[in-house]
Protein backbone atom coordinates (compact mmCIF):
# COMPACT_ATOMS: atom_id res chain seq x y z
CA MET A 1 -139.84 -40.05 -72.77
CA GLN A 2 -142.00 -38.28 -70.20
CA ALA A 3 -141.47 -37.29 -66.58
CA THR A 4 -144.17 -36.30 -64.11
CA GLY A 5 -144.76 -33.45 -61.73
CA THR A 6 -147.57 -33.05 -59.23
CA LEU A 7 -150.16 -30.35 -58.63
CA SER A 8 -151.86 -29.63 -55.31
CA VAL A 9 -154.70 -27.11 -55.13
CA ARG A 10 -156.07 -25.36 -52.05
CA VAL A 11 -159.26 -23.28 -52.24
CA TYR A 12 -160.05 -20.75 -49.53
CA THR A 13 -161.78 -17.44 -48.88
CA SER A 14 -160.74 -14.21 -47.12
CA GLN A 15 -157.32 -13.09 -45.98
CA ALA A 16 -157.75 -15.47 -43.02
CA GLN A 17 -157.56 -18.29 -45.62
CA ILE A 18 -160.73 -20.07 -44.47
CA PRO A 19 -160.94 -23.39 -46.41
CA LEU A 20 -163.90 -23.88 -48.75
CA GLU A 21 -165.27 -27.42 -48.61
CA GLY A 22 -167.12 -28.77 -51.65
CA ALA A 23 -165.70 -26.32 -54.19
CA THR A 24 -165.37 -27.78 -57.68
CA VAL A 25 -161.83 -27.71 -59.08
CA VAL A 26 -161.12 -28.42 -62.75
CA VAL A 27 -157.59 -28.93 -64.09
CA ALA A 28 -157.00 -29.00 -67.85
CA GLU A 29 -154.10 -28.54 -70.22
CA PRO A 30 -154.20 -26.87 -73.62
CA GLY A 31 -154.54 -29.39 -76.42
CA GLU A 32 -154.36 -29.27 -80.17
CA GLU A 33 -156.53 -26.94 -82.25
CA GLY A 34 -157.64 -24.89 -79.23
CA LYS A 35 -159.23 -27.84 -77.43
CA TRP A 36 -158.61 -28.69 -73.78
CA LYS A 37 -157.43 -32.00 -72.35
CA LEU A 38 -159.26 -32.61 -69.07
CA LEU A 39 -156.87 -33.83 -66.36
CA SER A 40 -159.06 -33.74 -63.24
CA ILE A 41 -162.41 -32.71 -61.79
CA GLN A 42 -162.60 -32.90 -58.00
CA CYS A 43 -164.37 -31.35 -55.03
CA THR A 44 -162.38 -29.92 -52.16
CA ASN A 45 -162.33 -31.61 -48.75
CA SER A 46 -162.86 -29.92 -45.37
CA SER A 47 -159.33 -28.47 -45.62
CA GLY A 48 -160.14 -26.88 -49.01
CA LYS A 49 -157.77 -29.28 -50.79
CA ILE A 50 -158.10 -31.78 -53.61
CA ASN A 51 -156.16 -35.00 -54.12
CA THR A 52 -152.74 -34.42 -55.68
CA ILE A 53 -152.72 -34.76 -59.48
CA GLN A 54 -149.89 -36.36 -61.49
CA ILE A 55 -149.18 -34.39 -64.68
CA ASP A 56 -146.86 -35.41 -67.52
CA THR A 57 -143.93 -33.03 -67.99
CA PRO A 58 -140.93 -32.89 -70.31
CA VAL A 59 -137.83 -34.68 -69.10
CA LEU A 60 -135.60 -32.06 -67.51
CA ALA A 61 -132.49 -33.27 -69.35
CA GLU A 62 -134.26 -32.75 -72.69
CA SER A 63 -135.21 -29.11 -72.08
CA THR A 64 -133.39 -26.81 -74.46
CA SER A 65 -134.85 -23.39 -73.74
CA PRO A 66 -135.33 -22.05 -70.22
CA SER A 67 -137.67 -19.33 -71.45
CA GLY A 68 -139.47 -21.35 -74.13
CA LEU A 69 -142.99 -22.65 -74.22
CA PRO A 70 -143.97 -26.27 -73.67
CA GLY A 71 -143.25 -28.21 -76.84
CA ASP A 72 -140.46 -25.76 -77.70
CA GLY A 73 -137.92 -27.14 -75.25
CA ALA A 74 -139.31 -25.64 -72.01
CA PRO A 75 -138.58 -27.57 -68.81
CA PHE A 76 -142.22 -27.54 -67.67
CA ALA A 77 -145.79 -28.36 -68.69
CA LEU A 78 -148.64 -25.84 -68.51
CA CYS A 79 -152.17 -26.30 -67.21
CA ASP A 80 -155.11 -24.11 -66.24
CA VAL A 81 -157.05 -24.46 -63.00
CA TRP A 82 -160.65 -23.36 -62.38
CA ALA A 83 -162.32 -23.24 -58.96
CA GLU A 84 -166.02 -22.60 -58.41
CA GLN A 85 -168.31 -22.60 -55.39
CA PRO A 86 -171.89 -21.27 -55.26
CA GLY A 87 -171.94 -17.81 -53.70
CA TYR A 88 -168.36 -17.03 -54.79
CA ALA A 89 -166.82 -15.59 -57.97
CA MET A 90 -165.30 -18.35 -60.09
CA LEU A 91 -161.50 -18.14 -60.38
CA GLN A 92 -159.48 -19.27 -63.39
CA VAL A 93 -155.69 -19.39 -63.15
CA ALA A 94 -154.03 -19.80 -66.55
CA GLY A 95 -150.48 -20.92 -67.21
CA VAL A 96 -149.73 -22.92 -64.05
CA GLN A 97 -146.25 -24.36 -64.59
CA ILE A 98 -145.63 -27.99 -63.63
CA PHE A 99 -141.97 -29.05 -63.35
CA PRO A 100 -140.69 -32.65 -63.37
CA ASP A 101 -140.32 -34.24 -59.93
CA VAL A 102 -141.64 -31.10 -58.21
CA GLU A 103 -144.93 -30.53 -56.36
CA THR A 104 -146.62 -27.30 -57.44
CA LEU A 105 -149.05 -25.76 -54.95
CA GLN A 106 -151.74 -23.54 -56.43
CA ALA A 107 -153.62 -21.47 -53.85
CA MET A 108 -156.97 -20.14 -55.01
CA GLU A 109 -158.81 -17.42 -53.09
CA LEU A 110 -162.49 -17.18 -54.00
CA ILE A 111 -164.25 -13.86 -53.37
CA PRO A 112 -167.84 -13.89 -52.00
CA LEU A 113 -170.47 -12.55 -54.41
CA PRO A 114 -173.20 -10.05 -53.56
CA GLN A 115 -176.57 -11.72 -52.99
CA GLY A 116 -178.31 -12.72 -56.21
CA LEU A 117 -175.25 -13.00 -58.45
CA CYS A 118 -174.17 -16.31 -59.98
CA SER A 119 -170.53 -17.40 -60.09
CA LEU A 120 -170.82 -17.70 -63.87
CA GLN A 121 -171.85 -14.03 -64.11
CA GLN A 122 -168.76 -12.81 -62.31
CA ARG A 123 -165.39 -14.49 -62.51
CA ASP A 124 -161.79 -13.63 -61.84
CA GLU A 125 -159.06 -14.59 -64.29
CA ARG A 126 -155.33 -14.62 -63.55
CA ASP A 127 -152.59 -15.44 -66.01
CA ILE A 128 -149.21 -16.61 -64.80
CA PRO A 129 -146.53 -15.46 -67.25
CA VAL A 130 -143.86 -17.97 -68.29
CA GLN A 131 -140.86 -17.70 -65.99
CA ASN A 132 -137.58 -16.74 -67.56
CA LEU A 133 -135.40 -19.42 -66.00
C-alpha cells in the first residue's frame, strides 16, 4: 500500500528572493540499476513556483526504521530536483525527503553566471543527508 506526499518548488535569485519566471524544474527519483524515474518537468510561473507534485511515499504505519533509507523501512521517499535558467548556474538538490501527507517546500536559489558561461558549464550541487528521526 502506498501513501502520497507533495512537493512544491520555488526558484529565485539573490538574497532578496526575486522569483525566476520560466526556469525549468525537473523532479526525478532514483530507480533500479542507477536509472532515474522522471516525475515532473515544469517551468516556473511569475512567482517562481511550479505546480505541486504528488509523490508516492511509504505508509507511515509501515515504517520500521526512522534512520533507514527508502525501501529499508524509512518513513519517506527520496527525490532529486534540478533547476535551470539561462544566465544562471544550474542547481541540483539531491535527497529531498517526501513524507506521507506532508507538503515539502524546496527553495532553490540560482546564482547568476558571468557573461559567456553556460549553465551546463557551471552548476551547484547540494546533498540533503537523511534525517535521523
